[in-house]
């Protein structure tokens, strides 16, 4: 099953400047591992030492925040779109 991944500009140095990638994965956790296989070094930017998504990054599956789904165990289906979005703070 193919999943479209939208990569934010700061991480595109790991993807040869590509803003979108196609990956095969059945969960967000598998997707992160697949991204690491394709783009070595990206997982360390996406996940902390415990393997959990970094708190300043948000993952969305079809516009749904994975924190309100099953986190990295969120299931993926063929044709899903996963967005990796850096958190924005300010005041």
PDB file of N, CA and C in Angstrom:
ATOM      1  N   UNK A   1       0.839  -1.178   0.000  1.00  0.00           N
ATOM      2  CA  UNK A   1       0.000   0.000   0.000  1.00  0.00           C
ATOM      3  C   UNK A   1       0.880   1.236   0.000  1.00  0.00           C
ATOM      4  N   UNK A   2       0.507   2.195  -0.811  1.00  0.00           N
ATOM      5  CA  UNK A   2       1.313   3.390  -0.974  1.00  0.00           C
ATOM      6  C   UNK A   2       0.683   4.563  -0.224  1.00  0.00           C
ATOM      7  N   UNK A   3       1.525   5.266   0.522  1.00  0.00           N
ATOM      8  CA  UNK A   3       1.113   6.413   1.319  1.00  0.00           C
ATOM      9  C   UNK A   3       1.930   7.615   0.858  1.00  0.00           C
ATOM     10  N   UNK A   4       1.265   8.740   0.677  1.00  0.00           N
ATOM     11  CA  UNK A   4       1.947   9.979   0.291  1.00  0.00           C
ATOM     12  C   UNK A   4       2.361  10.708   1.565  1.00  0.00           C
ATOM     13  N   UNK A   5       3.629  11.132   1.618  1.00  0.00           N
ATOM     14  CA  UNK A   5       4.160  11.832   2.791  1.00  0.00           C
ATOM     15  C   UNK A   5       4.580  13.236   2.376  1.00  0.00           C
ATOM     16  N   UNK A   6       4.063  14.234   3.081  1.00  0.00           N
ATOM     17  CA  UNK A   6       4.421  15.627   2.833  1.00  0.00           C
ATOM     18  C   UNK A   6       5.533  16.012   3.798  1.00  0.00           C
ATOM     19  N   UNK A   7       6.677  16.395   3.261  1.00  0.00           N
ATOM     20  CA  UNK A   7       7.876  16.679   4.046  1.00  0.00           C
ATOM     21  C   UNK A   7       8.038  18.196   4.192  1.00  0.00           C
ATOM     22  N   UNK A   8       8.204  18.693   5.430  1.00  0.00           N
ATOM     23  CA  UNK A   8       8.410  20.137   5.602  1.00  0.00           C
ATOM     24  C   UNK A   8       9.783  20.564   5.081  1.00  0.00           C
ATOM     25  N   UNK A   9       9.879  21.807   4.694  1.00  0.00           N
ATOM     26  CA  UNK A   9      11.110  22.331   4.096  1.00  0.00           C
ATOM     27  C   UNK A   9      12.361  22.048   4.926  1.00  0.00           C
ATOM     28  N   UNK A  10      12.349  22.234   6.264  1.00  0.00           N
ATOM     29  CA  UNK A  10      13.585  21.987   7.026  1.00  0.00           C
ATOM     30  C   UNK A  10      14.096  20.541   6.950  1.00  0.00           C
ATOM     31  N   UNK A  11      13.224  19.589   6.623  1.00  0.00           N
ATOM     32  CA  UNK A  11      13.645  18.181   6.544  1.00  0.00           C
ATOM     33  C   UNK A  11      13.946  17.730   5.119  1.00  0.00           C
ATOM     34  N   UNK A  12      13.731  18.595   4.154  1.00  0.00           N
ATOM     35  CA  UNK A  12      13.942  18.195   2.764  1.00  0.00           C
ATOM     36  C   UNK A  12      15.406  17.964   2.417  1.00  0.00           C
ATOM     37  N   UNK A  13      16.317  18.404   3.274  1.00  0.00           N
ATOM     38  CA  UNK A  13      17.731  18.099   3.021  1.00  0.00           C
ATOM     39  C   UNK A  13      17.992  16.596   3.131  1.00  0.00           C
ATOM     40  N   UNK A  14      17.098  15.861   3.821  1.00  0.00           N
ATOM     41  CA  UNK A  14      17.225  14.405   3.932  1.00  0.00           C
ATOM     42  C   UNK A  14      16.551  13.685   2.773  1.00  0.00           C
ATOM     43  N   UNK A  15      15.724  14.404   2.015  1.00  0.00           N
ATOM     44  CA  UNK A  15      14.938  13.790   0.940  1.00  0.00           C
ATOM     45  C   UNK A  15      15.383  14.254  -0.447  1.00  0.00           C
ATOM     46  N   UNK A  16      16.604  14.759  -0.558  1.00  0.00           N
ATOM     47  CA  UNK A  16      17.097  15.306  -1.825  1.00  0.00           C
ATOM     48  C   UNK A  16      16.184  16.416  -2.344  1.00  0.00           C
ATOM     49  N   UNK A  17      15.746  17.265  -1.394  1.00  0.00           N
ATOM     50  CA  UNK A  17      14.906  18.429  -1.696  1.00  0.00           C
ATOM     51  C   UNK A  17      13.526  18.085  -2.253  1.00  0.00           C
ATOM     52  N   UNK A  18      13.061  16.882  -1.982  1.00  0.00           N
ATOM     53  CA  UNK A  18      11.708  16.504  -2.406  1.00  0.00           C
ATOM     54  C   UNK A  18      10.709  16.861  -1.302  1.00  0.00           C
ATOM     55  N   UNK A  19       9.608  17.481  -1.685  1.00  0.00           N
ATOM     56  CA  UNK A  19       8.570  17.881  -0.726  1.00  0.00           C
ATOM     57  C   UNK A  19       7.564  16.762  -0.471  1.00  0.00           C
ATOM     58  N   UNK A  20       7.506  15.785  -1.366  1.00  0.00           N
ATOM     59  CA  UNK A  20       6.606  14.647  -1.181  1.00  0.00           C
ATOM     60  C   UNK A  20       7.350  13.355  -1.490  1.00  0.00           C
ATOM     61  N   UNK A  21       6.967  12.326  -0.775  1.00  0.00           N
ATOM     62  CA  UNK A  21       7.523  10.986  -0.983  1.00  0.00           C
ATOM     63  C   UNK A  21       6.373   9.992  -0.996  1.00  0.00           C
ATOM     64  N   UNK A  22       6.574   8.871  -1.631  1.00  0.00           N
ATOM     65  CA  UNK A  22       5.634   7.754  -1.580  1.00  0.00           C
ATOM     66  C   UNK A  22       6.319   6.641  -0.795  1.00  0.00           C
ATOM     67  N   UNK A  23       5.620   6.108   0.200  1.00  0.00           N
ATOM     68  CA  UNK A  23       6.170   5.033   1.021  1.00  0.00           C
ATOM     69  C   UNK A  23       5.135   3.933   1.184  1.00  0.00           C
ATOM     70  N   UNK A  24       5.624   2.752   1.500  1.00  0.00           N
ATOM     71  CA  UNK A  24       4.741   1.637   1.807  1.00  0.00           C
ATOM     72  C   UNK A  24       4.823   1.385   3.313  1.00  0.00           C
ATOM     73  N   UNK A  25       3.672   1.497   3.989  1.00  0.00           N
ATOM     74  CA  UNK A  25       3.622   1.280   5.438  1.00  0.00           C
ATOM     75  C   UNK A  25       2.173   1.082   5.859  1.00  0.00           C
ATOM     76  N   UNK A  26       1.967   0.302   6.914  1.00  0.00           N
ATOM     77  CA  UNK A  26       0.608   0.078   7.402  1.00  0.00           C
ATOM     78  C   UNK A  26       0.331   0.824   8.700  1.00  0.00           C
ATOM     79  N   UNK A  27       1.341   1.525   9.242  1.00  0.00           N
ATOM     80  CA  UNK A  27       1.150   2.356  10.438  1.00  0.00           C
ATOM     81  C   UNK A  27       2.144   3.513  10.376  1.00  0.00           C
ATOM     82  N   UNK A  28       1.924   4.516  11.203  1.00  0.00           N
ATOM     83  CA  UNK A  28       2.836   5.654  11.238  1.00  0.00           C
ATOM     84  C   UNK A  28       4.225   5.195  11.687  1.00  0.00           C
ATOM     85  N   UNK A  29       4.296   4.274  12.643  1.00  0.00           N
ATOM     86  CA  UNK A  29       5.595   3.764  13.104  1.00  0.00           C
ATOM     87  C   UNK A  29       6.354   3.106  11.944  1.00  0.00           C
ATOM     88  N   UNK A  30       5.655   2.291  11.156  1.00  0.00           N
ATOM     89  CA  UNK A  30       6.285   1.661   9.988  1.00  0.00           C
ATOM     90  C   UNK A  30       6.696   2.711   8.966  1.00  0.00           C
ATOM     91  N   UNK A  31       5.902   3.747   8.838  1.00  0.00           N
ATOM     92  CA  UNK A  31       6.215   4.825   7.900  1.00  0.00           C
ATOM     93  C   UNK A  31       7.515   5.517   8.291  1.00  0.00           C
ATOM     94  N   UNK A  32       7.679   5.795   9.574  1.00  0.00           N
ATOM     95  CA  UNK A  32       8.903   6.443  10.053  1.00  0.00           C
ATOM     96  C   UNK A  32      10.114   5.564   9.734  1.00  0.00           C
ATOM     97  N   UNK A  33       9.980   4.254   9.959  1.00  0.00           N
ATOM     98  CA  UNK A  33      11.075   3.327   9.639  1.00  0.00           C
ATOM     99  C   UNK A  33      11.340   3.283   8.132  1.00  0.00           C
ATOM    100  N   UNK A  34      10.269   3.326   7.327  1.00  0.00           N
ATOM    101  CA  UNK A  34      10.432   3.326   5.872  1.00  0.00           C
ATOM    102  C   UNK A  34      11.121   4.600   5.406  1.00  0.00           C
ATOM    103  N   UNK A  35      10.781   5.727   6.021  1.00  0.00           N
ATOM    104  CA  UNK A  35      11.450   6.981   5.679  1.00  0.00           C
ATOM    105  C   UNK A  35      12.938   6.906   6.000  1.00  0.00           C
ATOM    106  N   UNK A  36      13.280   6.289   7.118  1.00  0.00           N
ATOM    107  CA  UNK A  36      14.691   6.155   7.503  1.00  0.00           C
ATOM    108  C   UNK A  36      15.445   5.301   6.483  1.00  0.00           C
ATOM    109  N   UNK A  37      14.796   4.266   5.960  1.00  0.00           N
ATOM    110  CA  UNK A  37      15.439   3.417   4.950  1.00  0.00           C
ATOM    111  C   UNK A  37      15.712   4.204   3.676  1.00  0.00           C
ATOM    112  N   UNK A  38      14.754   5.039   3.289  1.00  0.00           N
ATOM    113  CA  UNK A  38      14.867   5.821   2.056  1.00  0.00           C
ATOM    114  C   UNK A  38      15.736   7.053   2.233  1.00  0.00           C
ATOM    115  N   UNK A  39      15.646   7.666   3.412  1.00  0.00           N
ATOM    116  CA  UNK A  39      16.308   8.942   3.697  1.00  0.00           C
ATOM    117  C   UNK A  39      17.092   8.824   5.002  1.00  0.00           C
ATOM    118  N   UNK A  40      18.254   8.179   4.992  1.00  0.00           N
ATOM    119  CA  UNK A  40      19.018   7.966   6.223  1.00  0.00           C
ATOM    120  C   UNK A  40      19.242   9.264   7.005  1.00  0.00           C
ATOM    121  N   UNK A  41      18.993   9.169   8.316  1.00  0.00           N
ATOM    122  CA  UNK A  41      19.195  10.303   9.202  1.00  0.00           C
ATOM    123  C   UNK A  41      17.928  11.050   9.550  1.00  0.00           C
ATOM    124  N   UNK A  42      16.853  10.814   8.804  1.00  0.00           N
ATOM    125  CA  UNK A  42      15.625  11.567   9.047  1.00  0.00           C
ATOM    126  C   UNK A  42      14.922  11.138  10.338  1.00  0.00           C
ATOM    127  N   UNK A  43      15.044   9.865  10.707  1.00  0.00           N
ATOM    128  CA  UNK A  43      14.349   9.373  11.903  1.00  0.00           C
ATOM    129  C   UNK A  43      14.824  10.105  13.157  1.00  0.00           C
ATOM    130  N   UNK A  44      16.099  10.410  13.245  1.00  0.00           N
ATOM    131  CA  UNK A  44      16.623  11.128  14.413  1.00  0.00           C
ATOM    132  C   UNK A  44      16.027  12.526  14.512  1.00  0.00           C
ATOM    133  N   UNK A  45      15.622  13.087  13.394  1.00  0.00           N
ATOM    134  CA  UNK A  45      14.978  14.409  13.396  1.00  0.00           C
ATOM    135  C   UNK A  45      13.494  14.302  13.722  1.00  0.00           C
ATOM    136  N   UNK A  46      12.896  13.134  13.411  1.00  0.00           N
ATOM    137  CA  UNK A  46      11.472  12.935  13.640  1.00  0.00           C
ATOM    138  C   UNK A  46      11.158  12.413  15.033  1.00  0.00           C
ATOM    139  N   UNK A  47      12.064  11.604  15.588  1.00  0.00           N
ATOM    140  CA  UNK A  47      11.786  10.906  16.848  1.00  0.00           C
ATOM    141  C   UNK A  47      12.849  11.191  17.897  1.00  0.00           C
ATOM    142  N   UNK A  48      12.433  11.100  19.169  1.00  0.00           N
ATOM    143  CA  UNK A  48      13.375  11.276  20.268  1.00  0.00           C
ATOM    144  C   UNK A  48      14.101   9.953  20.527  1.00  0.00           C
ATOM    145  N   UNK A  49      14.874   9.897  21.602  1.00  0.00           N
ATOM    146  CA  UNK A  49      15.680   8.706  21.915  1.00  0.00           C
ATOM    147  C   UNK A  49      14.819   7.487  22.237  1.00  0.00           C
ATOM    148  N   UNK A  50      13.569   7.704  22.657  1.00  0.00           N
ATOM    149  CA  UNK A  50      12.650   6.598  22.958  1.00  0.00           C
ATOM    150  C   UNK A  50      11.856   6.164  21.725  1.00  0.00           C
ATOM    151  N   UNK A  51      12.104   6.811  20.593  1.00  0.00           N
ATOM    152  CA  UNK A  51      11.405   6.456  19.371  1.00  0.00           C
ATOM    153  C   UNK A  51      10.049   7.114  19.210  1.00  0.00           C
ATOM    154  N   UNK A  52       9.718   8.052  20.085  1.00  0.00           N
ATOM    155  CA  UNK A  52       8.436   8.757  20.001  1.00  0.00           C
ATOM    156  C   UNK A  52       8.619  10.026  19.180  1.00  0.00           C
ATOM    157  N   UNK A  53       7.566  10.446  18.467  1.00  0.00           N
ATOM    158  CA  UNK A  53       7.684  11.686  17.690  1.00  0.00           C
ATOM    159  C   UNK A  53       8.118  12.856  18.575  1.00  0.00           C
ATOM    160  N   UNK A  54       9.011  13.655  18.060  1.00  0.00           N
ATOM    161  CA  UNK A  54       9.470  14.827  18.811  1.00  0.00           C
ATOM    162  C   UNK A  54       8.295  15.756  19.066  1.00  0.00           C
ATOM    163  N   UNK A  55       8.305  16.413  20.221  1.00  0.00           N
ATOM    164  CA  UNK A  55       7.149  17.207  20.627  1.00  0.00           C
ATOM    165  C   UNK A  55       6.943  18.441  19.772  1.00  0.00           C
ATOM    166  N   UNK A  56       7.961  18.875  19.043  1.00  0.00           N
ATOM    167  CA  UNK A  56       7.799  20.055  18.193  1.00  0.00           C
ATOM    168  C   UNK A  56       7.390  19.690  16.763  1.00  0.00           C
ATOM    169  N   UNK A  57       7.087  18.417  16.522  1.00  0.00           N
ATOM    170  CA  UNK A  57       6.580  17.968  15.225  1.00  0.00           C
ATOM    171  C   UNK A  57       5.188  17.376  15.397  1.00  0.00           C
ATOM    172  N   UNK A  58       4.329  17.658  14.463  1.00  0.00           N
ATOM    173  CA  UNK A  58       2.991  17.083  14.470  1.00  0.00           C
ATOM    174  C   UNK A  58       2.829  16.224  13.225  1.00  0.00           C
ATOM    175  N   UNK A  59       2.224  15.062  13.410  1.00  0.00           N
ATOM    176  CA  UNK A  59       1.936  14.155  12.308  1.00  0.00           C
ATOM    177  C   UNK A  59       0.432  14.113  12.108  1.00  0.00           C
ATOM    178  N   UNK A  60       0.024  14.257  10.857  1.00  0.00           N
ATOM    179  CA  UNK A  60      -1.394  14.210  10.507  1.00  0.00           C
ATOM    180  C   UNK A  60      -1.608  13.134   9.454  1.00  0.00           C
ATOM    181  N   UNK A  61      -2.642  12.329   9.652  1.00  0.00           N
ATOM    182  CA  UNK A  61      -3.052  11.348   8.653  1.00  0.00           C
ATOM    183  C   UNK A  61      -4.385  11.834   8.102  1.00  0.00           C
ATOM    184  N   UNK A  62      -4.374  12.189   6.829  1.00  0.00           N
ATOM    185  CA  UNK A  62      -5.577  12.736   6.195  1.00  0.00           C
ATOM    186  C   UNK A  62      -6.167  13.878   7.023  1.00  0.00           C
ATOM    187  N   UNK A  63      -5.315  14.779   7.464  1.00  0.00           N
ATOM    188  CA  UNK A  63      -5.683  15.977   8.232  1.00  0.00           C
ATOM    189  C   UNK A  63      -6.114  15.697   9.669  1.00  0.00           C
ATOM    190  N   UNK A  64      -5.959  14.469  10.149  1.00  0.00           N
ATOM    191  CA  UNK A  64      -6.283  14.126  11.533  1.00  0.00           C
ATOM    192  C   UNK A  64      -4.991  13.980  12.324  1.00  0.00           C
ATOM    193  N   UNK A  65      -4.879  14.707  13.427  1.00  0.00           N
ATOM    194  CA  UNK A  65      -3.699  14.663  14.284  1.00  0.00           C
ATOM    195  C   UNK A  65      -3.589  13.282  14.921  1.00  0.00           C
ATOM    196  N   UNK A  66      -2.429  12.621  14.766  1.00  0.00           N
ATOM    197  CA  UNK A  66      -2.283  11.259  15.303  1.00  0.00           C
ATOM    198  C   UNK A  66      -2.357  11.226  16.824  1.00  0.00           C
ATOM    199  N   UNK A  67      -2.154  12.365  17.497  1.00  0.00           N
ATOM    200  CA  UNK A  67      -2.278  12.389  18.960  1.00  0.00           C
ATOM    201  C   UNK A  67      -3.705  12.101  19.394  1.00  0.00           C
ATOM    202  N   UNK A  68      -4.676  12.343  18.509  1.00  0.00           N
ATOM    203  CA  UNK A  68      -6.073  12.083  18.819  1.00  0.00           C
ATOM    204  C   UNK A  68      -6.557  10.782  18.189  1.00  0.00           C
ATOM    205  N   UNK A  69      -5.644  10.074  17.556  1.00  0.00           N
ATOM    206  CA  UNK A  69      -5.934   8.758  16.993  1.00  0.00           C
ATOM    207  C   UNK A  69      -5.176   7.731  17.834  1.00  0.00           C
ATOM    208  N   UNK A  70      -4.312   6.938  17.236  1.00  0.00           N
ATOM    209  CA  UNK A  70      -3.537   5.926  17.960  1.00  0.00           C
ATOM    210  C   UNK A  70      -2.046   6.236  17.963  1.00  0.00           C
ATOM    211  N   UNK A  71      -1.700   7.525  17.934  1.00  0.00           N
ATOM    212  CA  UNK A  71      -0.301   7.957  17.886  1.00  0.00           C
ATOM    213  C   UNK A  71       0.436   7.220  16.774  1.00  0.00           C
ATOM    214  N   UNK A  72       1.618   6.698  17.042  1.00  0.00           N
ATOM    215  CA  UNK A  72       2.388   6.062  15.974  1.00  0.00           C
ATOM    216  C   UNK A  72       1.799   4.713  15.552  1.00  0.00           C
ATOM    217  N   UNK A  73       0.853   4.194  16.304  1.00  0.00           N
ATOM    218  CA  UNK A  73       0.185   2.948  15.920  1.00  0.00           C
ATOM    219  C   UNK A  73      -1.017   3.213  15.023  1.00  0.00           C
ATOM    220  N   UNK A  74      -1.241   4.467  14.656  1.00  0.00           N
ATOM    221  CA  UNK A  74      -2.333   4.822  13.748  1.00  0.00           C
ATOM    222  C   UNK A  74      -2.168   4.047  12.442  1.00  0.00           C
ATOM    223  N   UNK A  75      -3.228   3.376  12.030  1.00  0.00           N
ATOM    224  CA  UNK A  75      -3.202   2.583  10.803  1.00  0.00           C
ATOM    225  C   UNK A  75      -3.195   3.477   9.577  1.00  0.00           C
ATOM    226  N   UNK A  76      -2.529   2.996   8.553  1.00  0.00           N
ATOM    227  CA  UNK A  76      -2.496   3.678   7.264  1.00  0.00           C
ATOM    228  C   UNK A  76      -3.082   2.759   6.201  1.00  0.00           C
ATOM    229  N   UNK A  77      -3.757   3.369   5.252  1.00  0.00           N
ATOM    230  CA  UNK A  77      -4.348   2.634   4.136  1.00  0.00           C
ATOM    231  C   UNK A  77      -3.800   3.179   2.827  1.00  0.00           C
ATOM    232  N   UNK A  78      -3.946   2.393   1.788  1.00  0.00           N
ATOM    233  CA  UNK A  78      -3.495   2.804   0.471  1.00  0.00           C
ATOM    234  C   UNK A  78      -4.137   4.140   0.097  1.00  0.00           C
ATOM    235  N   UNK A  79      -3.319   5.086  -0.317  1.00  0.00           N
ATOM    236  CA  UNK A  79      -3.820   6.393  -0.722  1.00  0.00           C
ATOM    237  C   UNK A  79      -3.872   7.435   0.379  1.00  0.00           C
ATOM    238  N   UNK A  80      -3.575   7.049   1.619  1.00  0.00           N
ATOM    239  CA  UNK A  80      -3.560   8.026   2.713  1.00  0.00           C
ATOM    240  C   UNK A  80      -2.478   9.069   2.482  1.00  0.00           C
ATOM    241  N   UNK A  81      -2.675  10.233   3.099  1.00  0.00           N
ATOM    242  CA  UNK A  81      -1.691  11.302   3.042  1.00  0.00           C
ATOM    243  C   UNK A  81      -1.248  11.625   4.461  1.00  0.00           C
ATOM    244  N   UNK A  82       0.051  11.581   4.689  1.00  0.00           N
ATOM    245  CA  UNK A  82       0.623  11.896   5.994  1.00  0.00           C
ATOM    246  C   UNK A  82       1.393  13.201   5.867  1.00  0.00           C
ATOM    247  N   UNK A  83       1.045  14.150   6.715  1.00  0.00           N
ATOM    248  CA  UNK A  83       1.733  15.442   6.741  1.00  0.00           C
ATOM    249  C   UNK A  83       2.583  15.517   8.000  1.00  0.00           C
ATOM    250  N   UNK A  84       3.814  15.937   7.836  1.00  0.00           N
ATOM    251  CA  UNK A  84       4.710  16.198   8.973  1.00  0.00           C
ATOM    252  C   UNK A  84       4.803  17.713   9.066  1.00  0.00           C
ATOM    253  N   UNK A  85       4.335  18.251  10.183  1.00  0.00           N
ATOM    254  CA  UNK A  85       4.221  19.700  10.320  1.00  0.00           C
ATOM    255  C   UNK A  85       4.980  20.175  11.551  1.00  0.00           C
ATOM    256  N   UNK A  86       5.978  21.030  11.380  1.00  0.00           N
ATOM    257  CA  UNK A  86       6.662  21.596  12.549  1.00  0.00           C
ATOM    258  C   UNK A  86       5.690  22.468  13.348  1.00  0.00           C
ATOM    259  N   UNK A  87       5.775  22.359  14.659  1.00  0.00           N
ATOM    260  CA  UNK A  87       4.914  23.173  15.521  1.00  0.00           C
ATOM    261  C   UNK A  87       5.333  24.634  15.408  1.00  0.00           C
ATOM    262  N   UNK A  88       4.364  25.508  15.493  1.00  0.00           N
ATOM    263  CA  UNK A  88       4.620  26.932  15.423  1.00  0.00           C
ATOM    264  C   UNK A  88       4.229  27.553  16.760  1.00  0.00           C
ATOM    265  N   UNK A  89       5.130  28.328  17.318  1.00  0.00           N
ATOM    266  CA  UNK A  89       4.845  28.990  18.595  1.00  0.00           C
ATOM    267  C   UNK A  89       5.114  30.477  18.438  1.00  0.00           C
ATOM    268  N   UNK A  90       4.507  31.199  19.266  1.00  0.00           N
ATOM    269  CA  UNK A  90       4.729  32.638  19.199  1.00  0.00           C
ATOM    270  C   UNK A  90       3.731  33.361  20.090  1.00  0.00           C
ATOM    271  N   UNK A  91       3.821  34.624  20.083  1.00  0.00           N
ATOM    272  CA  UNK A  91       2.912  35.345  20.943  1.00  0.00           C
ATOM    273  C   UNK A  91       2.670  36.731  20.460  1.00  0.00           C
TER     274      UNK A  91
END
